[in-house]
Amino acid sequence: MRDKVDRGVSLGAQVADIIRQRIVRGELRPGDRLTEEGVAEEFQVSRGPVRDAVSQLSYEGLVEVRRPRGIYIIGLTADDVEQLYSLRAALERLAVNRAAEVRDDEAWQPMRDCVERMAAAADEGDHPAFQRADVRFHSLFYEMARHPRLLATWRQYEPTFAALLDVTINHDDDLHESAEAHRRLYDLVRGEDRGALERELVDHLKRAEDRMRLELLSRS
């Protein structure tokens, strides 16, 4: 079935999301060629949104524009995955440590809600709901860090990590272990042991990186 776009949401962002997911899933492989005309025709949009999508995907390192020949898929390599997760680890350690300084219990309610949504999604085996709550959980660290430049950097890469999670999460028949890992991370960020918090965060992201590496190996 052909992917469709919602006319009430940024068309360029939607086109980028769909192409990004196809790249991360391996449906579009390195060296595959797209054209503005072909993408515009598939999604029934003008070339403006297509150019916006390509610009974002090029920034993320997923495609390369070679004028006048077209748009070429770069895809993801093991080195790309290492770079993405090492960058995220650096960003998220800063975000988590700044967020941990927030003592207002009410400010943490959205994150508690994410933890509960993940637990409920694990009980129901609802992978899409778990994925949405997982991404939101981590995004809240950046929002609570009160560091606009840090948040802006995360926003640039958030769609890529959402697509990576969308792929790796479907390998888990049972999501309870992952739900519990997020609850543990939440408990640590609300506690006083910053060393334990940092170790848990690094381990948390390393497990995510390893899962994506295994996904890439399965395609070779």
N, C-alpha and C. Protein backbone atom coordinates (compact mmCIF):
# COMPACT_ATOMS: atom_id res chain seq x y z
N MET A 1 0.85 -1.19 0.00
CA MET A 1 0.00 0.00 0.00
C MET A 1 0.88 1.24 0.00
N ARG A 2 0.52 2.21 -0.80
CA ARG A 2 1.31 3.42 -0.91
C ARG A 2 1.18 4.25 0.35
N ASP A 3 2.32 4.79 0.85
CA ASP A 3 2.29 5.68 2.00
C ASP A 3 1.61 6.99 1.60
N LYS A 4 0.82 7.53 2.52
CA LYS A 4 0.12 8.78 2.25
C LYS A 4 0.57 9.84 3.24
N VAL A 5 0.37 11.11 2.86
CA VAL A 5 0.73 12.21 3.73
C VAL A 5 -0.53 12.91 4.21
N ASP A 6 -0.43 13.53 5.39
CA ASP A 6 -1.52 14.26 6.02
C ASP A 6 -1.39 15.72 5.64
N ARG A 7 -2.38 16.26 4.96
CA ARG A 7 -2.28 17.63 4.47
C ARG A 7 -2.26 18.66 5.60
N GLY A 8 -2.61 18.25 6.82
CA GLY A 8 -2.62 19.20 7.93
C GLY A 8 -1.29 19.31 8.65
N VAL A 9 -0.30 18.52 8.21
CA VAL A 9 1.01 18.51 8.85
C VAL A 9 2.06 18.86 7.79
N SER A 10 3.21 19.40 8.23
CA SER A 10 4.28 19.77 7.31
C SER A 10 4.54 18.64 6.31
N LEU A 11 4.33 18.93 5.04
CA LEU A 11 4.49 17.89 4.02
C LEU A 11 5.94 17.45 3.90
N GLY A 12 6.86 18.41 3.96
CA GLY A 12 8.28 18.05 3.86
C GLY A 12 8.70 17.12 4.98
N ALA A 13 8.25 17.40 6.21
CA ALA A 13 8.60 16.55 7.35
C ALA A 13 8.02 15.15 7.19
N GLN A 14 6.80 15.07 6.66
CA GLN A 14 6.18 13.76 6.48
C GLN A 14 6.90 12.94 5.41
N VAL A 15 7.25 13.58 4.31
CA VAL A 15 7.98 12.88 3.25
C VAL A 15 9.33 12.42 3.78
N ALA A 16 10.01 13.28 4.54
CA ALA A 16 11.29 12.91 5.13
C ALA A 16 11.13 11.72 6.07
N ASP A 17 10.07 11.73 6.87
CA ASP A 17 9.84 10.62 7.82
C ASP A 17 9.71 9.29 7.09
N ILE A 18 8.93 9.28 6.01
CA ILE A 18 8.68 8.03 5.29
C ILE A 18 9.94 7.53 4.61
N ILE A 19 10.68 8.44 3.95
CA ILE A 19 11.91 8.02 3.27
C ILE A 19 12.94 7.57 4.31
N ARG A 20 13.03 8.30 5.42
CA ARG A 20 13.97 7.92 6.49
C ARG A 20 13.66 6.52 7.00
N GLN A 21 12.41 6.23 7.23
CA GLN A 21 12.03 4.90 7.71
C GLN A 21 12.40 3.82 6.69
N ARG A 22 12.21 4.11 5.42
CA ARG A 22 12.57 3.13 4.39
C ARG A 22 14.07 2.88 4.36
N ILE A 23 14.85 3.94 4.59
CA ILE A 23 16.30 3.79 4.61
C ILE A 23 16.73 2.96 5.83
N VAL A 24 16.21 3.31 6.99
CA VAL A 24 16.61 2.63 8.22
C VAL A 24 16.16 1.17 8.19
N ARG A 25 15.00 0.89 7.59
CA ARG A 25 14.52 -0.49 7.49
C ARG A 25 15.26 -1.30 6.44
N GLY A 26 16.04 -0.63 5.59
CA GLY A 26 16.75 -1.34 4.54
C GLY A 26 15.94 -1.49 3.28
N GLU A 27 14.78 -0.84 3.21
CA GLU A 27 13.96 -0.92 2.00
C GLU A 27 14.59 -0.10 0.87
N LEU A 28 15.27 0.98 1.24
CA LEU A 28 16.10 1.74 0.30
C LEU A 28 17.54 1.48 0.68
N ARG A 29 18.34 1.02 -0.29
CA ARG A 29 19.71 0.59 -0.02
C ARG A 29 20.71 1.63 -0.53
N PRO A 30 21.92 1.62 0.04
CA PRO A 30 22.96 2.53 -0.45
C PRO A 30 23.13 2.41 -1.95
N GLY A 31 23.16 3.57 -2.61
CA GLY A 31 23.30 3.59 -4.06
C GLY A 31 22.00 3.71 -4.81
N ASP A 32 20.88 3.41 -4.15
CA ASP A 32 19.57 3.58 -4.80
C ASP A 32 19.38 5.05 -5.17
N ARG A 33 18.70 5.28 -6.28
CA ARG A 33 18.52 6.64 -6.78
C ARG A 33 17.06 7.04 -6.74
N LEU A 34 16.81 8.25 -6.25
CA LEU A 34 15.47 8.86 -6.28
C LEU A 34 15.55 10.11 -7.14
N THR A 35 14.39 10.56 -7.60
CA THR A 35 14.31 11.84 -8.29
C THR A 35 13.24 12.69 -7.63
N GLU A 36 13.39 14.00 -7.72
CA GLU A 36 12.37 14.89 -7.17
C GLU A 36 11.02 14.60 -7.81
N GLU A 37 11.03 14.39 -9.12
CA GLU A 37 9.78 14.13 -9.82
C GLU A 37 9.11 12.86 -9.31
N GLY A 38 9.91 11.82 -9.15
CA GLY A 38 9.35 10.54 -8.71
C GLY A 38 8.78 10.61 -7.31
N VAL A 39 9.50 11.26 -6.40
CA VAL A 39 9.02 11.39 -5.02
C VAL A 39 7.77 12.25 -4.98
N ALA A 40 7.79 13.36 -5.72
CA ALA A 40 6.62 14.25 -5.75
C ALA A 40 5.40 13.53 -6.28
N GLU A 41 5.60 12.72 -7.31
CA GLU A 41 4.47 11.98 -7.89
C GLU A 41 3.95 10.93 -6.92
N GLU A 42 4.85 10.21 -6.25
CA GLU A 42 4.41 9.18 -5.31
C GLU A 42 3.55 9.75 -4.20
N PHE A 43 3.99 10.88 -3.64
CA PHE A 43 3.28 11.44 -2.48
C PHE A 43 2.26 12.50 -2.87
N GLN A 44 2.19 12.76 -4.16
CA GLN A 44 1.22 13.73 -4.68
C GLN A 44 1.38 15.09 -4.00
N VAL A 45 2.65 15.54 -4.01
CA VAL A 45 2.98 16.87 -3.47
C VAL A 45 3.81 17.60 -4.51
N SER A 46 3.98 18.90 -4.30
CA SER A 46 4.83 19.67 -5.19
C SER A 46 6.30 19.42 -4.87
N ARG A 47 7.17 19.99 -5.66
CA ARG A 47 8.60 19.75 -5.44
C ARG A 47 9.12 20.47 -4.21
N GLY A 48 8.44 21.51 -3.76
CA GLY A 48 8.88 22.24 -2.57
C GLY A 48 9.03 21.35 -1.35
N PRO A 49 7.99 20.61 -0.95
CA PRO A 49 8.12 19.69 0.18
C PRO A 49 9.17 18.61 -0.04
N VAL A 50 9.33 18.16 -1.30
CA VAL A 50 10.34 17.15 -1.59
C VAL A 50 11.73 17.72 -1.32
N ARG A 51 11.96 18.95 -1.75
CA ARG A 51 13.27 19.58 -1.50
C ARG A 51 13.50 19.78 -0.01
N ASP A 52 12.46 20.16 0.72
CA ASP A 52 12.59 20.29 2.17
C ASP A 52 12.98 18.95 2.80
N ALA A 53 12.32 17.88 2.35
CA ALA A 53 12.62 16.54 2.88
C ALA A 53 14.05 16.13 2.56
N VAL A 54 14.46 16.36 1.32
CA VAL A 54 15.81 15.97 0.90
C VAL A 54 16.86 16.77 1.66
N SER A 55 16.59 18.05 1.89
CA SER A 55 17.52 18.89 2.64
C SER A 55 17.72 18.33 4.06
N GLN A 56 16.63 17.93 4.71
CA GLN A 56 16.73 17.37 6.06
C GLN A 56 17.48 16.04 6.05
N LEU A 57 17.15 15.18 5.11
CA LEU A 57 17.79 13.87 5.04
C LEU A 57 19.27 13.99 4.67
N SER A 58 19.60 14.99 3.87
CA SER A 58 21.00 15.24 3.54
C SER A 58 21.76 15.71 4.77
N TYR A 59 21.13 16.57 5.56
CA TYR A 59 21.73 17.03 6.82
C TYR A 59 22.01 15.85 7.75
N GLU A 60 21.10 14.89 7.76
CA GLU A 60 21.25 13.72 8.63
C GLU A 60 22.25 12.71 8.07
N GLY A 61 22.72 12.96 6.84
CA GLY A 61 23.71 12.06 6.24
C GLY A 61 23.12 10.81 5.64
N LEU A 62 21.83 10.81 5.36
CA LEU A 62 21.16 9.62 4.84
C LEU A 62 21.07 9.61 3.32
N VAL A 63 21.12 10.81 2.70
CA VAL A 63 21.08 10.90 1.24
C VAL A 63 22.12 11.91 0.78
N GLU A 64 22.43 11.84 -0.51
CA GLU A 64 23.34 12.79 -1.12
C GLU A 64 22.72 13.27 -2.42
N VAL A 65 22.74 14.58 -2.61
CA VAL A 65 22.20 15.16 -3.84
C VAL A 65 23.34 15.33 -4.84
N ARG A 66 23.18 14.74 -6.03
CA ARG A 66 24.18 14.87 -7.09
C ARG A 66 23.49 15.48 -8.30
N ARG A 67 23.59 16.76 -8.38
CA ARG A 67 22.91 17.45 -9.50
C ARG A 67 23.72 17.29 -10.78
N PRO A 68 23.08 17.07 -11.94
CA PRO A 68 21.61 16.98 -12.11
C PRO A 68 21.10 15.55 -12.09
N ARG A 69 21.89 14.63 -11.56
CA ARG A 69 21.56 13.21 -11.75
C ARG A 69 20.51 12.70 -10.78
N GLY A 70 20.37 13.32 -9.61
CA GLY A 70 19.33 12.86 -8.71
C GLY A 70 19.77 12.80 -7.26
N ILE A 71 19.00 12.06 -6.49
CA ILE A 71 19.19 11.92 -5.06
C ILE A 71 19.61 10.48 -4.80
N TYR A 72 20.75 10.29 -4.17
CA TYR A 72 21.28 8.94 -3.95
C TYR A 72 21.24 8.59 -2.47
N ILE A 73 20.82 7.37 -2.20
CA ILE A 73 20.75 6.89 -0.82
C ILE A 73 22.15 6.56 -0.32
N ILE A 74 22.50 7.12 0.82
CA ILE A 74 23.76 6.76 1.47
C ILE A 74 23.53 5.61 2.44
N GLY A 75 22.42 5.70 3.18
CA GLY A 75 22.06 4.63 4.10
C GLY A 75 22.84 4.70 5.40
N LEU A 76 22.82 3.60 6.12
CA LEU A 76 23.47 3.52 7.43
C LEU A 76 24.51 2.41 7.43
N THR A 77 25.70 2.73 7.90
CA THR A 77 26.74 1.74 8.10
C THR A 77 26.97 1.58 9.60
N ALA A 78 27.79 0.60 9.97
CA ALA A 78 28.13 0.42 11.38
C ALA A 78 28.82 1.67 11.92
N ASP A 79 29.64 2.33 11.09
CA ASP A 79 30.29 3.57 11.52
C ASP A 79 29.26 4.67 11.78
N ASP A 80 28.25 4.75 10.92
CA ASP A 80 27.19 5.74 11.12
C ASP A 80 26.49 5.51 12.46
N VAL A 81 26.18 4.26 12.74
CA VAL A 81 25.50 3.92 13.99
C VAL A 81 26.37 4.30 15.19
N GLU A 82 27.67 4.01 15.11
CA GLU A 82 28.58 4.37 16.20
C GLU A 82 28.61 5.88 16.40
N GLN A 83 28.68 6.62 15.30
CA GLN A 83 28.73 8.09 15.40
C GLN A 83 27.43 8.65 15.98
N LEU A 84 26.30 8.12 15.52
CA LEU A 84 25.02 8.60 16.02
C LEU A 84 24.89 8.36 17.52
N TYR A 85 25.22 7.18 17.96
CA TYR A 85 25.02 6.87 19.38
C TYR A 85 26.09 7.49 20.27
N SER A 86 27.31 7.68 19.77
CA SER A 86 28.30 8.38 20.58
C SER A 86 27.91 9.85 20.73
N LEU A 87 27.37 10.44 19.66
CA LEU A 87 26.87 11.81 19.76
C LEU A 87 25.71 11.88 20.74
N ARG A 88 24.79 10.94 20.61
CA ARG A 88 23.64 10.96 21.51
C ARG A 88 24.07 10.78 22.96
N ALA A 89 25.03 9.90 23.21
CA ALA A 89 25.48 9.69 24.58
C ALA A 89 26.02 10.99 25.17
N ALA A 90 26.80 11.74 24.37
CA ALA A 90 27.35 13.00 24.86
C ALA A 90 26.23 14.01 25.14
N LEU A 91 25.28 14.11 24.21
CA LEU A 91 24.18 15.04 24.39
C LEU A 91 23.29 14.65 25.58
N GLU A 92 22.97 13.37 25.66
CA GLU A 92 21.99 12.95 26.66
C GLU A 92 22.58 12.95 28.07
N ARG A 93 23.86 12.72 28.20
CA ARG A 93 24.47 12.82 29.52
C ARG A 93 24.35 14.24 30.05
N LEU A 94 24.58 15.22 29.18
CA LEU A 94 24.41 16.61 29.59
C LEU A 94 22.96 16.90 29.93
N ALA A 95 22.05 16.43 29.06
CA ALA A 95 20.63 16.68 29.28
C ALA A 95 20.14 16.06 30.58
N VAL A 96 20.53 14.82 30.83
CA VAL A 96 20.07 14.12 32.03
C VAL A 96 20.61 14.78 33.29
N ASN A 97 21.87 15.17 33.28
CA ASN A 97 22.45 15.79 34.47
C ASN A 97 21.82 17.16 34.76
N ARG A 98 21.50 17.90 33.73
CA ARG A 98 20.83 19.19 33.95
C ARG A 98 19.38 18.97 34.40
N ALA A 99 18.71 17.99 33.77
CA ALA A 99 17.32 17.71 34.15
C ALA A 99 17.23 17.24 35.59
N ALA A 100 18.24 16.49 36.05
CA ALA A 100 18.22 15.95 37.40
C ALA A 100 18.22 17.05 38.46
N GLU A 101 18.60 18.25 38.05
CA GLU A 101 18.60 19.37 38.99
C GLU A 101 17.20 19.92 39.25
N VAL A 102 16.24 19.51 38.42
CA VAL A 102 14.85 19.97 38.59
C VAL A 102 14.24 19.18 39.75
N ARG A 103 13.87 19.88 40.80
CA ARG A 103 13.35 19.22 42.00
C ARG A 103 11.83 19.28 42.10
N ASP A 104 11.19 20.07 41.28
CA ASP A 104 9.73 20.21 41.31
C ASP A 104 9.08 18.90 40.86
N ASP A 105 8.41 18.23 41.78
CA ASP A 105 7.83 16.92 41.48
C ASP A 105 6.81 17.00 40.35
N GLU A 106 6.05 18.06 40.30
CA GLU A 106 5.01 18.19 39.27
C GLU A 106 5.62 18.23 37.86
N ALA A 107 6.81 18.81 37.75
CA ALA A 107 7.46 18.93 36.44
C ALA A 107 7.81 17.56 35.86
N TRP A 108 7.90 16.54 36.72
CA TRP A 108 8.27 15.21 36.29
C TRP A 108 7.07 14.34 35.90
N GLN A 109 5.86 14.88 36.07
CA GLN A 109 4.68 14.08 35.78
C GLN A 109 4.63 13.57 34.33
N PRO A 110 4.98 14.39 33.33
CA PRO A 110 4.96 13.86 31.95
C PRO A 110 5.87 12.65 31.76
N MET A 111 7.03 12.63 32.46
CA MET A 111 7.93 11.49 32.32
C MET A 111 7.36 10.27 33.04
N ARG A 112 6.74 10.49 34.20
CA ARG A 112 6.08 9.37 34.87
C ARG A 112 4.99 8.79 33.99
N ASP A 113 4.27 9.66 33.29
CA ASP A 113 3.22 9.20 32.38
C ASP A 113 3.81 8.33 31.27
N CYS A 114 4.99 8.72 30.75
CA CYS A 114 5.64 7.92 29.71
C CYS A 114 6.00 6.54 30.24
N VAL A 115 6.52 6.50 31.46
CA VAL A 115 6.88 5.21 32.06
C VAL A 115 5.65 4.31 32.16
N GLU A 116 4.53 4.89 32.58
CA GLU A 116 3.30 4.11 32.71
C GLU A 116 2.76 3.68 31.35
N ARG A 117 2.90 4.55 30.35
CA ARG A 117 2.44 4.17 29.00
C ARG A 117 3.28 3.04 28.44
N MET A 118 4.58 3.06 28.72
CA MET A 118 5.43 1.96 28.26
C MET A 118 5.07 0.66 28.96
N ALA A 119 4.79 0.74 30.25
CA ALA A 119 4.39 -0.48 30.98
C ALA A 119 3.09 -1.04 30.41
N ALA A 120 2.12 -0.15 30.14
CA ALA A 120 0.84 -0.59 29.59
C ALA A 120 1.02 -1.17 28.18
N ALA A 121 1.87 -0.52 27.38
CA ALA A 121 2.12 -1.01 26.02
C ALA A 121 2.80 -2.37 26.06
N ALA A 122 3.70 -2.57 27.03
CA ALA A 122 4.35 -3.88 27.18
C ALA A 122 3.32 -4.95 27.51
N ASP A 123 2.38 -4.63 28.41
CA ASP A 123 1.33 -5.58 28.77
C ASP A 123 0.48 -5.96 27.57
N GLU A 124 0.24 -4.98 26.70
CA GLU A 124 -0.64 -5.18 25.55
C GLU A 124 0.12 -5.64 24.30
N GLY A 125 1.44 -5.65 24.37
CA GLY A 125 2.23 -6.00 23.18
C GLY A 125 2.08 -4.98 22.07
N ASP A 126 1.87 -3.72 22.45
CA ASP A 126 1.63 -2.64 21.49
C ASP A 126 2.95 -1.93 21.19
N HIS A 127 3.64 -2.39 20.16
CA HIS A 127 4.96 -1.85 19.84
C HIS A 127 4.92 -0.38 19.40
N PRO A 128 3.98 0.03 18.54
CA PRO A 128 3.95 1.45 18.15
C PRO A 128 3.73 2.38 19.33
N ALA A 129 2.83 2.01 20.25
CA ALA A 129 2.59 2.85 21.42
C ALA A 129 3.83 2.91 22.30
N PHE A 130 4.52 1.79 22.44
CA PHE A 130 5.75 1.77 23.24
C PHE A 130 6.80 2.68 22.60
N GLN A 131 6.94 2.59 21.29
CA GLN A 131 7.94 3.40 20.59
C GLN A 131 7.68 4.88 20.79
N ARG A 132 6.42 5.30 20.69
CA ARG A 132 6.09 6.72 20.86
C ARG A 132 6.42 7.19 22.28
N ALA A 133 6.07 6.37 23.27
CA ALA A 133 6.33 6.74 24.65
C ALA A 133 7.83 6.76 24.95
N ASP A 134 8.56 5.83 24.35
CA ASP A 134 10.01 5.74 24.54
C ASP A 134 10.69 7.01 24.01
N VAL A 135 10.36 7.41 22.79
CA VAL A 135 10.96 8.61 22.21
C VAL A 135 10.59 9.84 23.04
N ARG A 136 9.34 9.92 23.45
CA ARG A 136 8.90 11.06 24.26
C ARG A 136 9.64 11.10 25.60
N PHE A 137 9.83 9.96 26.22
CA PHE A 137 10.55 9.86 27.49
C PHE A 137 11.92 10.52 27.38
N HIS A 138 12.68 10.14 26.36
CA HIS A 138 14.03 10.68 26.22
C HIS A 138 14.01 12.15 25.81
N SER A 139 13.05 12.54 25.01
CA SER A 139 12.96 13.94 24.61
C SER A 139 12.71 14.85 25.81
N LEU A 140 12.01 14.34 26.80
CA LEU A 140 11.72 15.15 27.98
C LEU A 140 12.98 15.52 28.75
N PHE A 141 14.00 14.68 28.72
CA PHE A 141 15.25 15.06 29.37
C PHE A 141 15.79 16.35 28.77
N TYR A 142 15.74 16.44 27.45
CA TYR A 142 16.26 17.63 26.77
C TYR A 142 15.39 18.85 27.06
N GLU A 143 14.09 18.65 27.11
CA GLU A 143 13.20 19.77 27.40
C GLU A 143 13.39 20.27 28.82
N MET A 144 13.62 19.35 29.76
CA MET A 144 13.76 19.72 31.16
C MET A 144 15.16 20.25 31.47
N ALA A 145 16.10 20.09 30.55
CA ALA A 145 17.47 20.55 30.78
C ALA A 145 17.58 22.08 30.75
N ARG A 146 16.58 22.73 30.19
CA ARG A 146 16.58 24.20 30.11
C ARG A 146 17.84 24.71 29.43
N HIS A 147 18.08 24.15 28.26
CA HIS A 147 19.27 24.46 27.47
C HIS A 147 18.81 24.49 26.01
N PRO A 148 18.35 25.64 25.52
CA PRO A 148 17.75 25.71 24.18
C PRO A 148 18.64 25.18 23.06
N ARG A 149 19.93 25.43 23.11
CA ARG A 149 20.81 24.95 22.04
C ARG A 149 20.94 23.42 22.08
N LEU A 150 20.98 22.87 23.27
CA LEU A 150 21.02 21.42 23.41
C LEU A 150 19.73 20.81 22.87
N LEU A 151 18.61 21.39 23.22
CA LEU A 151 17.32 20.90 22.73
C LEU A 151 17.24 20.99 21.21
N ALA A 152 17.72 22.10 20.65
CA ALA A 152 17.68 22.27 19.19
C ALA A 152 18.53 21.22 18.49
N THR A 153 19.67 20.87 19.07
CA THR A 153 20.52 19.84 18.48
C THR A 153 19.81 18.49 18.52
N TRP A 154 19.18 18.17 19.65
CA TRP A 154 18.43 16.92 19.76
C TRP A 154 17.30 16.86 18.74
N ARG A 155 16.59 17.97 18.55
CA ARG A 155 15.47 17.97 17.61
C ARG A 155 15.93 17.62 16.20
N GLN A 156 17.17 17.98 15.85
CA GLN A 156 17.67 17.66 14.52
C GLN A 156 17.81 16.15 14.33
N TYR A 157 18.15 15.45 15.40
CA TYR A 157 18.41 14.01 15.30
C TYR A 157 17.29 13.14 15.85
N GLU A 158 16.34 13.73 16.51
CA GLU A 158 15.24 12.95 17.10
C GLU A 158 14.52 12.08 16.07
N PRO A 159 14.21 12.59 14.86
CA PRO A 159 13.54 11.72 13.89
C PRO A 159 14.38 10.51 13.48
N THR A 160 15.69 10.68 13.41
CA THR A 160 16.55 9.55 13.06
C THR A 160 16.50 8.48 14.14
N PHE A 161 16.59 8.90 15.40
CA PHE A 161 16.55 7.92 16.49
C PHE A 161 15.17 7.28 16.62
N ALA A 162 14.13 8.04 16.32
CA ALA A 162 12.79 7.45 16.32
C ALA A 162 12.69 6.36 15.27
N ALA A 163 13.28 6.59 14.10
CA ALA A 163 13.26 5.58 13.03
C ALA A 163 14.09 4.36 13.41
N LEU A 164 15.24 4.59 14.05
CA LEU A 164 16.07 3.47 14.50
C LEU A 164 15.30 2.62 15.51
N LEU A 165 14.64 3.28 16.45
CA LEU A 165 13.87 2.54 17.46
C LEU A 165 12.72 1.79 16.82
N ASP A 166 12.10 2.39 15.82
CA ASP A 166 10.98 1.74 15.15
C ASP A 166 11.40 0.41 14.55
N VAL A 167 12.65 0.33 14.12
CA VAL A 167 13.17 -0.92 13.55
C VAL A 167 13.53 -1.92 14.65
N THR A 168 14.32 -1.48 15.62
CA THR A 168 14.84 -2.43 16.61
C THR A 168 13.79 -2.92 17.59
N ILE A 169 12.80 -2.10 17.89
CA ILE A 169 11.81 -2.48 18.91
C ILE A 169 10.98 -3.67 18.45
N ASN A 170 10.83 -3.83 17.15
CA ASN A 170 10.00 -4.91 16.64
C ASN A 170 10.67 -6.28 16.73
N HIS A 171 11.93 -6.30 17.18
CA HIS A 171 12.59 -7.58 17.42
C HIS A 171 12.22 -8.16 18.78
N ASP A 172 11.57 -7.35 19.62
CA ASP A 172 11.21 -7.79 20.97
C ASP A 172 9.77 -8.28 21.01
N ASP A 173 9.60 -9.55 21.28
CA ASP A 173 8.25 -10.04 21.50
C ASP A 173 7.73 -9.56 22.85
N ASP A 174 8.63 -9.48 23.84
CA ASP A 174 8.26 -9.05 25.18
C ASP A 174 8.96 -7.73 25.48
N LEU A 175 8.16 -6.69 25.73
CA LEU A 175 8.69 -5.35 25.96
C LEU A 175 8.87 -5.03 27.44
N HIS A 176 8.59 -5.97 28.32
CA HIS A 176 8.62 -5.66 29.76
C HIS A 176 10.02 -5.30 30.25
N GLU A 177 11.04 -5.97 29.72
CA GLU A 177 12.40 -5.66 30.15
C GLU A 177 12.77 -4.22 29.81
N SER A 178 12.40 -3.80 28.60
CA SER A 178 12.68 -2.42 28.20
C SER A 178 11.87 -1.43 29.03
N ALA A 179 10.63 -1.77 29.31
CA ALA A 179 9.80 -0.88 30.15
C ALA A 179 10.43 -0.72 31.53
N GLU A 180 10.92 -1.81 32.09
CA GLU A 180 11.54 -1.75 33.41
C GLU A 180 12.84 -0.95 33.37
N ALA A 181 13.59 -1.04 32.27
CA ALA A 181 14.83 -0.26 32.14
C ALA A 181 14.53 1.23 32.17
N HIS A 182 13.44 1.65 31.56
CA HIS A 182 13.07 3.07 31.58
C HIS A 182 12.60 3.50 32.97
N ARG A 183 11.89 2.62 33.65
CA ARG A 183 11.48 2.94 35.01
C ARG A 183 12.71 3.10 35.91
N ARG A 184 13.69 2.23 35.71
CA ARG A 184 14.92 2.30 36.51
C ARG A 184 15.66 3.61 36.23
N LEU A 185 15.71 4.01 34.96
CA LEU A 185 16.37 5.26 34.60
C LEU A 185 15.64 6.45 35.23
N TYR A 186 14.33 6.39 35.21
CA TYR A 186 13.54 7.47 35.84
C TYR A 186 13.83 7.54 37.34
N ASP A 187 13.85 6.40 38.00
CA ASP A 187 14.10 6.38 39.45
C ASP A 187 15.48 6.97 39.77
N LEU A 188 16.46 6.66 38.94
CA LEU A 188 17.82 7.15 39.19
C LEU A 188 17.92 8.66 38.96
N VAL A 189 17.24 9.17 37.95
CA VAL A 189 17.33 10.61 37.69
C VAL A 189 16.64 11.41 38.79
N ARG A 190 15.70 10.78 39.50
CA ARG A 190 15.05 11.46 40.61
C ARG A 190 15.81 11.27 41.93
N GLY A 191 16.82 10.42 41.92
CA GLY A 191 17.60 10.16 43.13
C GLY A 191 18.83 11.05 43.24
N GLU A 192 19.76 10.64 44.08
CA GLU A 192 20.93 11.47 44.37
C GLU A 192 22.23 10.88 43.84
N ASP A 193 22.22 9.63 43.37
CA ASP A 193 23.45 8.97 42.95
C ASP A 193 23.71 9.27 41.47
N ARG A 194 24.43 10.35 41.19
CA ARG A 194 24.68 10.74 39.81
C ARG A 194 25.58 9.73 39.09
N GLY A 195 26.48 9.10 39.82
CA GLY A 195 27.33 8.10 39.20
C GLY A 195 26.53 6.93 38.68
N ALA A 196 25.59 6.44 39.50
CA ALA A 196 24.74 5.32 39.08
C ALA A 196 23.86 5.73 37.91
N LEU A 197 23.41 6.97 37.93
CA LEU A 197 22.58 7.49 36.84
C LEU A 197 23.36 7.48 35.54
N GLU A 198 24.58 7.99 35.57
CA GLU A 198 25.36 8.05 34.34
C GLU A 198 25.69 6.66 33.82
N ARG A 199 26.03 5.74 34.72
CA ARG A 199 26.34 4.37 34.29
C ARG A 199 25.12 3.71 33.65
N GLU A 200 23.96 3.93 34.24
CA GLU A 200 22.73 3.35 33.68
C GLU A 200 22.40 3.94 32.32
N LEU A 201 22.58 5.24 32.18
CA LEU A 201 22.30 5.89 30.89
C LEU A 201 23.24 5.38 29.81
N VAL A 202 24.53 5.31 30.11
CA VAL A 202 25.51 4.83 29.13
C VAL A 202 25.17 3.40 28.72
N ASP A 203 24.83 2.56 29.70
CA ASP A 203 24.48 1.17 29.40
C ASP A 203 23.19 1.09 28.58
N HIS A 204 22.24 1.94 28.91
CA HIS A 204 20.96 2.00 28.21
C HIS A 204 21.17 2.30 26.72
N LEU A 205 21.99 3.31 26.43
CA LEU A 205 22.23 3.70 25.05
C LEU A 205 23.12 2.69 24.32
N LYS A 206 24.04 2.07 25.07
CA LYS A 206 24.89 1.05 24.45
C LYS A 206 24.06 -0.15 24.00
N ARG A 207 23.08 -0.53 24.79
CA ARG A 207 22.21 -1.64 24.39
C ARG A 207 21.45 -1.29 23.13
N ALA A 208 20.99 -0.04 23.03
CA ALA A 208 20.27 0.39 21.83
C ALA A 208 21.18 0.36 20.61
N GLU A 209 22.42 0.81 20.78
CA GLU A 209 23.39 0.78 19.68
C GLU A 209 23.67 -0.65 19.23
N ASP A 210 23.88 -1.54 20.19
CA ASP A 210 24.18 -2.93 19.87
C ASP A 210 23.03 -3.58 19.09
N ARG A 211 21.80 -3.23 19.46
CA ARG A 211 20.65 -3.80 18.77
C ARG A 211 20.62 -3.35 17.31
N MET A 212 20.95 -2.08 17.07
CA MET A 212 20.95 -1.59 15.69
C MET A 212 22.10 -2.20 14.90
N ARG A 213 23.23 -2.44 15.53
CA ARG A 213 24.35 -3.10 14.86
C ARG A 213 23.95 -4.51 14.42
N LEU A 214 23.25 -5.22 15.30
CA LEU A 214 22.79 -6.56 14.96
C LEU A 214 21.80 -6.53 13.79
N GLU A 215 20.97 -5.50 13.76
CA GLU A 215 20.03 -5.33 12.65
C GLU A 215 20.78 -5.18 11.34
N LEU A 216 21.83 -4.36 11.34
CA LEU A 216 22.61 -4.17 10.12
C LEU A 216 23.31 -5.46 9.70
N LEU A 217 23.84 -6.19 10.67
CA LEU A 217 24.51 -7.45 10.35
C LEU A 217 23.55 -8.45 9.73
N SER A 218 22.29 -8.43 10.17
CA SER A 218 21.32 -9.39 9.64
C SER A 218 21.01 -9.12 8.17
N ARG A 219 21.35 -7.93 7.68
CA ARG A 219 21.06 -7.59 6.28
C ARG A 219 22.22 -7.91 5.36
N SER A 220 23.38 -8.19 5.94
CA SER A 220 24.57 -8.39 5.10
C SER A 220 24.64 -9.83 4.56
